[in-house]
Amino acid sequence: MSGTLFVCATPIGNLNDITPRVLQALQSADLIAAEDTRGSIKLLNHFDIHTPMVSYHEYNRFEKAEELIGRLRQGKNIALITDAGTPAISDPGEVLV
């Protein structure tokens, strides 16, 4: 059975502008693919989320997409986030989505 890719919009300014559904996805995912793990850790720490995270950005998007698709095929659930906003809209993510 294939896993699920959650395309998660993150707050542009105030961290508390995140939706409950995105918080649930981040907490329940097996892995978070983040544009910049250094920035995303602030969001995760703010909400006490400890899901493992990998870097997925403009410069590794092709090779990392293959790896992430492999994990999805193995049944893993992955949450895709960017620094601020929605993945694949002026941000990395279009290759994976």
N, C-alpha and C. Protein backbone atom coordinates (compact mmCIF):
# COMPACT_ATOMS: atom_id res chain seq x y z
N MET A 1 0.84 -1.18 0.00
CA MET A 1 0.00 0.00 0.00
C MET A 1 0.89 1.24 0.00
N SER A 2 0.55 2.21 -0.80
CA SER A 2 1.31 3.45 -0.89
C SER A 2 0.99 4.37 0.27
N GLY A 3 1.98 5.19 0.62
CA GLY A 3 1.78 6.19 1.65
C GLY A 3 1.10 7.42 1.06
N THR A 4 0.97 8.43 1.90
CA THR A 4 0.31 9.68 1.51
C THR A 4 1.31 10.83 1.55
N LEU A 5 1.26 11.69 0.55
CA LEU A 5 2.03 12.92 0.55
C LEU A 5 1.10 14.04 0.98
N PHE A 6 1.39 14.66 2.11
CA PHE A 6 0.62 15.80 2.60
C PHE A 6 1.33 17.07 2.15
N VAL A 7 0.69 17.89 1.32
CA VAL A 7 1.24 19.17 0.88
C VAL A 7 0.72 20.21 1.87
N CYS A 8 1.61 20.67 2.74
CA CYS A 8 1.21 21.48 3.90
C CYS A 8 1.62 22.95 3.74
N ALA A 9 0.65 23.83 3.74
CA ALA A 9 0.92 25.26 3.73
C ALA A 9 1.33 25.69 5.14
N THR A 10 2.41 26.44 5.23
CA THR A 10 2.89 26.92 6.52
C THR A 10 2.68 28.43 6.63
N PRO A 11 2.62 28.95 7.86
CA PRO A 11 2.36 30.39 8.05
C PRO A 11 3.42 31.27 7.39
N ILE A 12 2.97 32.37 6.85
CA ILE A 12 3.87 33.35 6.24
C ILE A 12 4.45 34.27 7.30
N GLY A 13 3.73 34.50 8.36
CA GLY A 13 4.21 35.40 9.42
C GLY A 13 4.05 34.78 10.79
N ASN A 14 2.90 34.90 11.37
CA ASN A 14 2.62 34.41 12.71
C ASN A 14 2.50 32.89 12.70
N LEU A 15 3.33 32.20 13.50
CA LEU A 15 3.30 30.74 13.53
C LEU A 15 1.94 30.18 13.93
N ASN A 16 1.19 30.93 14.70
CA ASN A 16 -0.12 30.46 15.14
C ASN A 16 -1.19 30.52 14.05
N ASP A 17 -0.83 31.00 12.86
CA ASP A 17 -1.77 31.01 11.74
C ASP A 17 -1.86 29.65 11.04
N ILE A 18 -1.16 28.67 11.52
CA ILE A 18 -1.20 27.33 10.93
C ILE A 18 -2.55 26.68 11.19
N THR A 19 -2.99 25.81 10.29
CA THR A 19 -4.29 25.17 10.47
C THR A 19 -4.16 23.90 11.32
N PRO A 20 -5.22 23.53 12.02
CA PRO A 20 -5.20 22.29 12.80
C PRO A 20 -4.92 21.06 11.92
N ARG A 21 -5.41 21.08 10.71
CA ARG A 21 -5.19 19.95 9.80
C ARG A 21 -3.72 19.79 9.44
N VAL A 22 -3.02 20.90 9.23
CA VAL A 22 -1.58 20.83 8.95
C VAL A 22 -0.84 20.32 10.18
N LEU A 23 -1.20 20.79 11.35
CA LEU A 23 -0.56 20.31 12.58
C LEU A 23 -0.74 18.80 12.72
N GLN A 24 -1.92 18.31 12.43
CA GLN A 24 -2.19 16.87 12.51
C GLN A 24 -1.31 16.11 11.52
N ALA A 25 -1.18 16.63 10.30
CA ALA A 25 -0.35 15.98 9.29
C ALA A 25 1.11 15.96 9.71
N LEU A 26 1.61 17.06 10.26
CA LEU A 26 3.00 17.12 10.69
C LEU A 26 3.28 16.17 11.84
N GLN A 27 2.32 16.02 12.73
CA GLN A 27 2.49 15.13 13.88
C GLN A 27 2.38 13.66 13.49
N SER A 28 1.53 13.34 12.53
CA SER A 28 1.28 11.94 12.20
C SER A 28 2.16 11.40 11.07
N ALA A 29 2.82 12.27 10.32
CA ALA A 29 3.66 11.82 9.21
C ALA A 29 4.86 11.02 9.73
N ASP A 30 5.36 10.15 8.88
CA ASP A 30 6.57 9.40 9.21
C ASP A 30 7.81 10.27 8.99
N LEU A 31 7.68 11.26 8.12
CA LEU A 31 8.81 12.10 7.73
C LEU A 31 8.29 13.44 7.24
N ILE A 32 9.06 14.49 7.50
CA ILE A 32 8.75 15.82 6.97
C ILE A 32 9.86 16.19 5.99
N ALA A 33 9.48 16.54 4.76
CA ALA A 33 10.42 17.04 3.76
C ALA A 33 10.31 18.56 3.78
N ALA A 34 11.38 19.23 4.19
CA ALA A 34 11.35 20.68 4.41
C ALA A 34 12.31 21.40 3.49
N GLU A 35 11.88 22.56 3.02
CA GLU A 35 12.73 23.39 2.16
C GLU A 35 14.02 23.78 2.88
N ASP A 36 13.91 24.20 4.11
CA ASP A 36 15.07 24.59 4.91
C ASP A 36 14.85 24.08 6.33
N THR A 37 15.54 23.02 6.68
CA THR A 37 15.33 22.41 7.99
C THR A 37 15.68 23.37 9.12
N ARG A 38 16.61 24.27 8.87
CA ARG A 38 17.00 25.24 9.93
C ARG A 38 15.85 26.17 10.27
N GLY A 39 15.08 26.58 9.27
CA GLY A 39 13.93 27.44 9.52
C GLY A 39 12.72 26.67 9.99
N SER A 40 12.53 25.49 9.43
CA SER A 40 11.36 24.68 9.77
C SER A 40 11.40 24.16 11.20
N ILE A 41 12.59 23.98 11.74
CA ILE A 41 12.69 23.48 13.12
C ILE A 41 12.03 24.46 14.10
N LYS A 42 12.05 25.74 13.78
CA LYS A 42 11.39 26.73 14.65
C LYS A 42 9.89 26.46 14.72
N LEU A 43 9.29 26.17 13.57
CA LEU A 43 7.87 25.85 13.52
C LEU A 43 7.58 24.57 14.30
N LEU A 44 8.37 23.55 14.06
CA LEU A 44 8.15 22.27 14.75
C LEU A 44 8.35 22.40 16.25
N ASN A 45 9.37 23.10 16.66
CA ASN A 45 9.61 23.30 18.10
C ASN A 45 8.47 24.09 18.74
N HIS A 46 7.96 25.08 18.04
CA HIS A 46 6.87 25.91 18.57
C HIS A 46 5.65 25.05 18.93
N PHE A 47 5.41 24.01 18.14
CA PHE A 47 4.25 23.14 18.37
C PHE A 47 4.64 21.78 18.96
N ASP A 48 5.89 21.66 19.42
CA ASP A 48 6.38 20.44 20.08
C ASP A 48 6.17 19.20 19.19
N ILE A 49 6.56 19.33 17.93
CA ILE A 49 6.46 18.24 16.96
C ILE A 49 7.86 17.66 16.77
N HIS A 50 7.95 16.33 16.87
CA HIS A 50 9.26 15.66 16.83
C HIS A 50 9.40 14.69 15.66
N THR A 51 8.64 14.89 14.62
CA THR A 51 8.70 14.05 13.42
C THR A 51 10.06 14.25 12.74
N PRO A 52 10.73 13.17 12.32
CA PRO A 52 12.01 13.32 11.61
C PRO A 52 11.85 14.19 10.36
N MET A 53 12.92 14.91 10.03
CA MET A 53 12.85 15.87 8.93
C MET A 53 14.06 15.70 8.02
N VAL A 54 13.83 15.84 6.71
CA VAL A 54 14.91 15.84 5.73
C VAL A 54 14.80 17.10 4.89
N SER A 55 15.92 17.49 4.30
CA SER A 55 15.96 18.68 3.48
C SER A 55 15.52 18.36 2.05
N TYR A 56 14.60 19.16 1.53
CA TYR A 56 14.12 19.02 0.15
C TYR A 56 14.03 20.43 -0.42
N HIS A 57 15.00 20.80 -1.26
CA HIS A 57 15.07 22.18 -1.75
C HIS A 57 15.41 22.22 -3.23
N GLU A 58 15.54 23.41 -3.75
CA GLU A 58 15.76 23.62 -5.18
C GLU A 58 16.97 22.85 -5.72
N TYR A 59 18.02 22.71 -4.92
CA TYR A 59 19.26 22.14 -5.41
C TYR A 59 19.34 20.62 -5.29
N ASN A 60 18.41 19.98 -4.56
CA ASN A 60 18.41 18.52 -4.47
C ASN A 60 17.07 17.92 -4.88
N ARG A 61 16.21 18.73 -5.48
CA ARG A 61 14.82 18.32 -5.69
C ARG A 61 14.66 17.09 -6.58
N PHE A 62 15.53 16.88 -7.55
CA PHE A 62 15.36 15.73 -8.44
C PHE A 62 15.79 14.43 -7.75
N GLU A 63 16.99 14.42 -7.18
CA GLU A 63 17.45 13.19 -6.52
C GLU A 63 16.64 12.90 -5.26
N LYS A 64 16.31 13.92 -4.50
CA LYS A 64 15.54 13.72 -3.26
C LYS A 64 14.11 13.30 -3.58
N ALA A 65 13.54 13.80 -4.67
CA ALA A 65 12.18 13.40 -5.06
C ALA A 65 12.13 11.89 -5.31
N GLU A 66 13.14 11.35 -5.97
CA GLU A 66 13.18 9.91 -6.22
C GLU A 66 13.20 9.14 -4.90
N GLU A 67 14.01 9.60 -3.96
CA GLU A 67 14.10 8.95 -2.65
C GLU A 67 12.76 9.02 -1.92
N LEU A 68 12.14 10.19 -1.93
CA LEU A 68 10.87 10.37 -1.23
C LEU A 68 9.75 9.55 -1.87
N ILE A 69 9.73 9.48 -3.19
CA ILE A 69 8.74 8.65 -3.88
C ILE A 69 8.92 7.18 -3.51
N GLY A 70 10.17 6.76 -3.38
CA GLY A 70 10.44 5.40 -2.93
C GLY A 70 9.87 5.13 -1.55
N ARG A 71 10.01 6.09 -0.66
CA ARG A 71 9.45 5.94 0.69
C ARG A 71 7.92 5.91 0.65
N LEU A 72 7.33 6.74 -0.19
CA LEU A 72 5.87 6.72 -0.34
C LEU A 72 5.39 5.36 -0.84
N ARG A 73 6.13 4.79 -1.78
CA ARG A 73 5.77 3.46 -2.31
C ARG A 73 5.89 2.38 -1.25
N GLN A 74 6.74 2.61 -0.25
CA GLN A 74 6.90 1.67 0.86
C GLN A 74 5.82 1.86 1.92
N GLY A 75 4.92 2.81 1.70
CA GLY A 75 3.83 3.02 2.64
C GLY A 75 4.06 4.12 3.66
N LYS A 76 5.16 4.85 3.54
CA LYS A 76 5.45 5.94 4.47
C LYS A 76 4.62 7.17 4.12
N ASN A 77 4.20 7.89 5.13
CA ASN A 77 3.47 9.15 4.95
C ASN A 77 4.45 10.30 5.11
N ILE A 78 4.43 11.23 4.16
CA ILE A 78 5.39 12.34 4.15
C ILE A 78 4.64 13.66 4.09
N ALA A 79 5.06 14.60 4.95
CA ALA A 79 4.52 15.96 4.93
C ALA A 79 5.54 16.85 4.22
N LEU A 80 5.12 17.58 3.22
CA LEU A 80 5.98 18.48 2.46
C LEU A 80 5.70 19.91 2.90
N ILE A 81 6.74 20.62 3.36
CA ILE A 81 6.58 22.01 3.80
C ILE A 81 7.67 22.88 3.20
N THR A 82 7.40 24.18 3.14
CA THR A 82 8.39 25.17 2.73
C THR A 82 8.62 26.14 3.88
N ASP A 83 9.49 27.10 3.66
CA ASP A 83 9.77 28.09 4.71
C ASP A 83 8.52 28.86 5.10
N ALA A 84 7.73 29.23 4.12
CA ALA A 84 6.49 29.97 4.36
C ALA A 84 5.63 29.88 3.11
N GLY A 85 4.41 29.48 3.28
CA GLY A 85 3.50 29.38 2.14
C GLY A 85 3.25 27.94 1.75
N THR A 86 2.86 27.74 0.50
CA THR A 86 2.46 26.43 0.01
C THR A 86 3.52 25.84 -0.92
N PRO A 87 3.94 24.59 -0.68
CA PRO A 87 4.91 23.94 -1.56
C PRO A 87 4.41 23.90 -3.00
N ALA A 88 5.32 24.06 -3.94
CA ALA A 88 5.07 24.02 -5.38
C ALA A 88 4.50 25.31 -5.93
N ILE A 89 4.25 26.29 -5.09
CA ILE A 89 3.81 27.61 -5.56
C ILE A 89 4.94 28.58 -5.24
N SER A 90 5.81 28.82 -6.22
CA SER A 90 7.00 29.66 -6.06
C SER A 90 7.93 29.11 -4.98
N ASP A 91 7.90 27.81 -4.77
CA ASP A 91 8.75 27.13 -3.79
C ASP A 91 9.06 25.74 -4.34
N PRO A 92 10.07 25.07 -3.77
CA PRO A 92 10.32 23.69 -4.18
C PRO A 92 9.09 22.83 -3.91
N GLY A 93 8.94 21.78 -4.65
CA GLY A 93 7.84 20.87 -4.44
C GLY A 93 7.19 20.38 -5.71
N GLU A 94 7.34 21.13 -6.80
CA GLU A 94 6.64 20.76 -8.03
C GLU A 94 7.09 19.41 -8.57
N VAL A 95 8.36 19.06 -8.40
CA VAL A 95 8.85 17.77 -8.89
C VAL A 95 8.21 16.63 -8.12
N LEU A 96 8.13 16.77 -6.82
CA LEU A 96 7.55 15.72 -5.98
C LEU A 96 6.05 15.63 -6.14
N VAL A 97 5.38 16.77 -6.20
CA VAL A 97 3.92 16.78 -6.32
C VAL A 97 3.52 16.27 -7.68
